Amino acid sequence: MLVAGGGDLMDKCHEEARDLGNAVRFLGYVDDVDSLFADADVFVCPSTAESFGRTATEAALAKTPMVLGRIRPWTDDFVEGYDCEFVDPQDPKDIARGILKLLADPLKAQQQAESACQVALSRFGREAALAALTKAYKYVAVSLASRF
């Protein structure tokens, strides 16, 4: 298992994983997350709070199956069992259940990943960005035209 990133609980995580030998590797901050997503069997992010949830969007765009904390904004964007597996971020057994469910059925996991990618593209892809930018420019143009 690879753990990327950091935070206040990393010392505790290292301590908890010590007895697991080489089963867990802590990578710290990683610049090239694309290669991590490409190599991952499952992306797991049992967050208890997210303002935007960029990591899930990145995982979705990389077509990596996801286990996510059952929180907003993810529950606004993705459908449980169709795009990802949602878990109680406070329940280690539920997190493990979500991971094992995806690992036990690679075909279903890949179908979810494909679906999540389509969701991410529809919300944040080039076409969505272009449509939003065009709408903003039109709004500004109409607002400016009404001044003169």
C-alpha atoms as a PDB file:
ATOM      1  CA  MET A   1       0.000   0.000   0.000  1.00  0.00           C
ATOM      2  CA  LEU A   2       1.310   3.433  -0.929  1.00  0.00           C
ATOM      3  CA  VAL A   3       0.376   6.482   1.110  1.00  0.00           C
ATOM      4  CA  ALA A   4       0.994   9.858  -0.510  1.00  0.00           C
ATOM      5  CA  GLY A   5       0.710  13.241   1.154  1.00  0.00           C
ATOM      6  CA  GLY A   6       1.137  14.396   4.694  1.00  0.00           C
ATOM      7  CA  GLY A   7      -0.558  16.061   7.574  1.00  0.00           C
ATOM      8  CA  ASP A   8      -0.865  16.231  11.308  1.00  0.00           C
ATOM      9  CA  LEU A   9      -1.481  12.509  11.720  1.00  0.00           C
ATOM     10  CA  MET A  10       1.497  11.199   9.751  1.00  0.00           C
ATOM     11  CA  ASP A  11       3.550  10.385  12.849  1.00  0.00           C
ATOM     12  CA  LYS A  12       0.631   8.361  14.178  1.00  0.00           C
ATOM     13  CA  CYS A  13       0.238   6.633  10.799  1.00  0.00           C
ATOM     14  CA  HIS A  14       3.921   5.671  10.739  1.00  0.00           C
ATOM     15  CA  GLU A  15       3.609   4.311  14.256  1.00  0.00           C
ATOM     16  CA  GLU A  16       0.498   2.277  13.418  1.00  0.00           C
ATOM     17  CA  ALA A  17       2.086   0.843  10.251  1.00  0.00           C
ATOM     18  CA  ARG A  18       5.390  -0.079  11.869  1.00  0.00           C
ATOM     19  CA  ASP A  19       4.256  -3.656  12.616  1.00  0.00           C
ATOM     20  CA  LEU A  20       3.192  -4.187   9.002  1.00  0.00           C
ATOM     21  CA  GLY A  21       6.750  -4.220   7.691  1.00  0.00           C
ATOM     22  CA  ASN A  22       6.993  -3.422   3.994  1.00  0.00           C
ATOM     23  CA  ALA A  23       3.242  -3.666   3.405  1.00  0.00           C
ATOM     24  CA  VAL A  24       2.885   0.127   3.745  1.00  0.00           C
ATOM     25  CA  ARG A  25       5.158   2.741   2.189  1.00  0.00           C
ATOM     26  CA  PHE A  26       4.835   6.428   2.994  1.00  0.00           C
ATOM     27  CA  LEU A  27       5.800   8.577   0.027  1.00  0.00           C
ATOM     28  CA  GLY A  28       5.247  12.021   1.527  1.00  0.00           C
ATOM     29  CA  TYR A  29       4.499  14.840  -0.898  1.00  0.00           C
ATOM     30  CA  VAL A  30       4.445  13.617  -4.511  1.00  0.00           C
ATOM     31  CA  ASP A  31       4.774  15.899  -7.543  1.00  0.00           C
ATOM     32  CA  ASP A  32       3.811  13.329 -10.172  1.00  0.00           C
ATOM     33  CA  VAL A  33       0.430  12.107  -8.951  1.00  0.00           C
ATOM     34  CA  ASP A  34      -0.546  11.052 -12.476  1.00  0.00           C
ATOM     35  CA  SER A  35       1.799   8.070 -12.332  1.00  0.00           C
ATOM     36  CA  LEU A  36       0.451   7.114  -8.901  1.00  0.00           C
ATOM     37  CA  PHE A  37      -3.117   7.154 -10.197  1.00  0.00           C
ATOM     38  CA  ALA A  38      -2.091   5.180 -13.293  1.00  0.00           C
ATOM     39  CA  ASP A  39      -0.478   2.454 -11.175  1.00  0.00           C
ATOM     40  CA  ALA A  40      -3.127   2.339  -8.439  1.00  0.00           C
ATOM     41  CA  ASP A  41      -5.675  -0.449  -8.138  1.00  0.00           C
ATOM     42  CA  VAL A  42      -7.838   1.805  -5.962  1.00  0.00           C
ATOM     43  CA  PHE A  43      -7.709   5.438  -4.841  1.00  0.00           C
ATOM     44  CA  VAL A  44      -8.792   5.768  -1.212  1.00  0.00           C
ATOM     45  CA  CYS A  45      -9.621   9.117   0.354  1.00  0.00           C
ATOM     46  CA  PRO A  46     -11.760   8.749   3.485  1.00  0.00           C
ATOM     47  CA  SER A  47     -11.813  12.479   4.179  1.00  0.00           C
ATOM     48  CA  THR A  48     -14.145  13.911   6.778  1.00  0.00           C
ATOM     49  CA  ALA A  49     -14.211  17.342   5.082  1.00  0.00           C
ATOM     50  CA  GLU A  50     -13.317  18.719   1.645  1.00  0.00           C
ATOM     51  CA  SER A  51     -13.918  22.141   0.166  1.00  0.00           C
ATOM     52  CA  PHE A  52     -13.603  21.027  -3.454  1.00  0.00           C
ATOM     53  CA  GLY A  53     -12.195  17.505  -3.456  1.00  0.00           C
ATOM     54  CA  ARG A  54      -9.626  17.937  -6.207  1.00  0.00           C
ATOM     55  CA  THR A  55      -7.944  14.597  -5.520  1.00  0.00           C
ATOM     56  CA  ALA A  56     -11.116  12.662  -6.321  1.00  0.00           C
ATOM     57  CA  THR A  57     -11.510  14.603  -9.567  1.00  0.00           C
ATOM     58  CA  GLU A  58      -7.902  13.781 -10.478  1.00  0.00           C
ATOM     59  CA  ALA A  59      -8.454  10.103  -9.670  1.00  0.00           C
ATOM     60  CA  ALA A  60     -11.666  10.085 -11.704  1.00  0.00           C
ATOM     61  CA  LEU A  61      -9.951  11.673 -14.709  1.00  0.00           C
ATOM     62  CA  ALA A  62      -7.202   9.032 -14.431  1.00  0.00           C
ATOM     63  CA  LYS A  63      -9.899   6.312 -14.445  1.00  0.00           C
ATOM     64  CA  THR A  64      -8.781   4.998 -11.072  1.00  0.00           C
ATOM     65  CA  PRO A  65     -11.498   3.228  -9.041  1.00  0.00           C
ATOM     66  CA  MET A  66     -12.344   5.281  -5.941  1.00  0.00           C
ATOM     67  CA  VAL A  67     -13.281   4.744  -2.308  1.00  0.00           C
ATOM     68  CA  LEU A  68     -14.344   8.109  -0.893  1.00  0.00           C
ATOM     69  CA  GLY A  69     -15.603   9.435   2.403  1.00  0.00           C
ATOM     70  CA  ARG A  70     -19.374   9.933   2.292  1.00  0.00           C
ATOM     71  CA  ILE A  71     -19.193  13.741   2.359  1.00  0.00           C
ATOM     72  CA  ARG A  72     -20.005  16.725   0.204  1.00  0.00           C
ATOM     73  CA  PRO A  73     -18.853  17.686  -2.385  1.00  0.00           C
ATOM     74  CA  TRP A  74     -18.286  14.086  -3.491  1.00  0.00           C
ATOM     75  CA  THR A  75     -21.841  12.973  -2.788  1.00  0.00           C
ATOM     76  CA  ASP A  76     -22.994  15.868  -4.999  1.00  0.00           C
ATOM     77  CA  ASP A  77     -20.872  14.718  -7.933  1.00  0.00           C
ATOM     78  CA  PHE A  78     -20.677  10.925  -7.799  1.00  0.00           C
ATOM     79  CA  VAL A  79     -23.244   8.151  -7.383  1.00  0.00           C
ATOM     80  CA  GLU A  80     -22.465   5.382  -4.914  1.00  0.00           C
ATOM     81  CA  GLY A  81     -22.013   1.990  -6.526  1.00  0.00           C
ATOM     82  CA  TYR A  82     -22.049   3.535  -9.981  1.00  0.00           C
ATOM     83  CA  ASP A  83     -19.103   5.983  -9.940  1.00  0.00           C
ATOM     84  CA  CYS A  84     -17.363   5.019  -6.692  1.00  0.00           C
ATOM     85  CA  GLU A  85     -17.789   3.420  -3.294  1.00  0.00           C
ATOM     86  CA  PHE A  86     -18.695   5.752  -0.441  1.00  0.00           C
ATOM     87  CA  VAL A  87     -17.665   4.869   3.091  1.00  0.00           C
ATOM     88  CA  ASP A  88     -18.028   6.249   6.583  1.00  0.00           C
ATOM     89  CA  PRO A  89     -14.696   8.065   6.991  1.00  0.00           C
ATOM     90  CA  GLN A  90     -14.784   7.427  10.747  1.00  0.00           C
ATOM     91  CA  ASP A  91     -15.221   3.644  10.407  1.00  0.00           C
ATOM     92  CA  PRO A  92     -12.070   1.641   9.531  1.00  0.00           C
ATOM     93  CA  LYS A  93     -14.129  -1.500   8.839  1.00  0.00           C
ATOM     94  CA  ASP A  94     -16.323   0.365   6.369  1.00  0.00           C
ATOM     95  CA  ILE A  95     -13.253   1.800   4.640  1.00  0.00           C
ATOM     96  CA  ALA A  96     -11.784  -1.711   4.378  1.00  0.00           C
ATOM     97  CA  ARG A  97     -15.136  -2.994   3.059  1.00  0.00           C
ATOM     98  CA  GLY A  98     -15.094  -0.405   0.277  1.00  0.00           C
ATOM     99  CA  ILE A  99     -11.526  -1.237  -0.728  1.00  0.00           C
ATOM    100  CA  LEU A 100     -12.091  -4.995  -0.665  1.00  0.00           C
ATOM    101  CA  LYS A 101     -15.307  -4.642  -2.679  1.00  0.00           C
ATOM    102  CA  LEU A 102     -13.458  -2.965  -5.534  1.00  0.00           C
ATOM    103  CA  LEU A 103     -10.477  -5.318  -5.365  1.00  0.00           C
ATOM    104  CA  ALA A 104     -12.797  -8.356  -5.440  1.00  0.00           C
ATOM    105  CA  ASP A 105     -14.481  -7.262  -8.683  1.00  0.00           C
ATOM    106  CA  PRO A 106     -11.976  -5.571 -11.021  1.00  0.00           C
ATOM    107  CA  LEU A 107     -14.501  -5.383 -13.866  1.00  0.00           C
ATOM    108  CA  LYS A 108     -17.053  -3.533 -11.713  1.00  0.00           C
ATOM    109  CA  ALA A 109     -14.257  -1.315 -10.353  1.00  0.00           C
ATOM    110  CA  GLN A 110     -13.218  -0.370 -13.886  1.00  0.00           C
ATOM    111  CA  GLN A 111     -16.824   0.311 -14.902  1.00  0.00           C
ATOM    112  CA  GLN A 112     -17.152   2.663 -11.930  1.00  0.00           C
ATOM    113  CA  ALA A 113     -13.873   4.355 -12.859  1.00  0.00           C
ATOM    114  CA  GLU A 114     -15.045   4.896 -16.453  1.00  0.00           C
ATOM    115  CA  SER A 115     -18.329   6.354 -15.226  1.00  0.00           C
ATOM    116  CA  ALA A 116     -16.590   8.645 -12.722  1.00  0.00           C
ATOM    117  CA  CYS A 117     -14.284   9.881 -15.481  1.00  0.00           C
ATOM    118  CA  GLN A 118     -17.307  10.877 -17.575  1.00  0.00           C
ATOM    119  CA  VAL A 119     -18.747  12.743 -14.573  1.00  0.00           C
ATOM    120  CA  ALA A 120     -15.470  14.611 -14.048  1.00  0.00           C
ATOM    121  CA  LEU A 121     -15.176  15.468 -17.737  1.00  0.00           C
ATOM    122  CA  SER A 122     -18.749  16.744 -17.871  1.00  0.00           C
ATOM    123  CA  ARG A 123     -18.128  19.046 -14.922  1.00  0.00           C
ATOM    124  CA  PHE A 124     -14.480  20.044 -15.327  1.00  0.00           C
ATOM    125  CA  GLY A 125     -13.313  19.002 -18.796  1.00  0.00           C
ATOM    126  CA  ARG A 126     -12.354  21.286 -21.653  1.00  0.00           C
ATOM    127  CA  GLU A 127     -15.889  21.490 -23.064  1.00  0.00           C
ATOM    128  CA  ALA A 128     -17.399  22.359 -19.673  1.00  0.00           C
ATOM    129  CA  ALA A 129     -14.722  24.997 -19.066  1.00  0.00           C
ATOM    130  CA  LEU A 130     -15.237  26.500 -22.516  1.00  0.00           C
ATOM    131  CA  ALA A 131     -19.012  26.652 -22.018  1.00  0.00           C
ATOM    132  CA  ALA A 132     -18.620  28.362 -18.634  1.00  0.00           C
ATOM    133  CA  LEU A 133     -16.087  30.849 -20.000  1.00  0.00           C
ATOM    134  CA  THR A 134     -18.283  31.653 -23.009  1.00  0.00           C
ATOM    135  CA  LYS A 135     -21.256  32.242 -20.711  1.00  0.00           C
ATOM    136  CA  ALA A 136     -19.163  34.542 -18.501  1.00  0.00           C
ATOM    137  CA  TYR A 137     -17.901  36.546 -21.498  1.00  0.00           C
ATOM    138  CA  LYS A 138     -21.444  36.951 -22.839  1.00  0.00           C
ATOM    139  CA  TYR A 139     -22.640  38.142 -19.441  1.00  0.00           C
ATOM    140  CA  VAL A 140     -19.839  40.712 -19.254  1.00  0.00           C
ATOM    141  CA  ALA A 141     -20.469  41.850 -22.848  1.00  0.00           C
ATOM    142  CA  VAL A 142     -24.202  42.357 -22.197  1.00  0.00           C
ATOM    143  CA  SER A 143     -23.469  44.181 -18.926  1.00  0.00           C
ATOM    144  CA  LEU A 144     -20.972  46.500 -20.618  1.00  0.00           C
ATOM    145  CA  ALA A 145     -23.272  47.137 -23.598  1.00  0.00           C
ATOM    146  CA  SER A 146     -26.076  48.251 -21.296  1.00  0.00           C
ATOM    147  CA  ARG A 147     -23.800  50.943 -19.836  1.00  0.00           C
ATOM    148  CA  PHE A 148     -23.337  52.734 -23.138  1.00  0.00           C
END
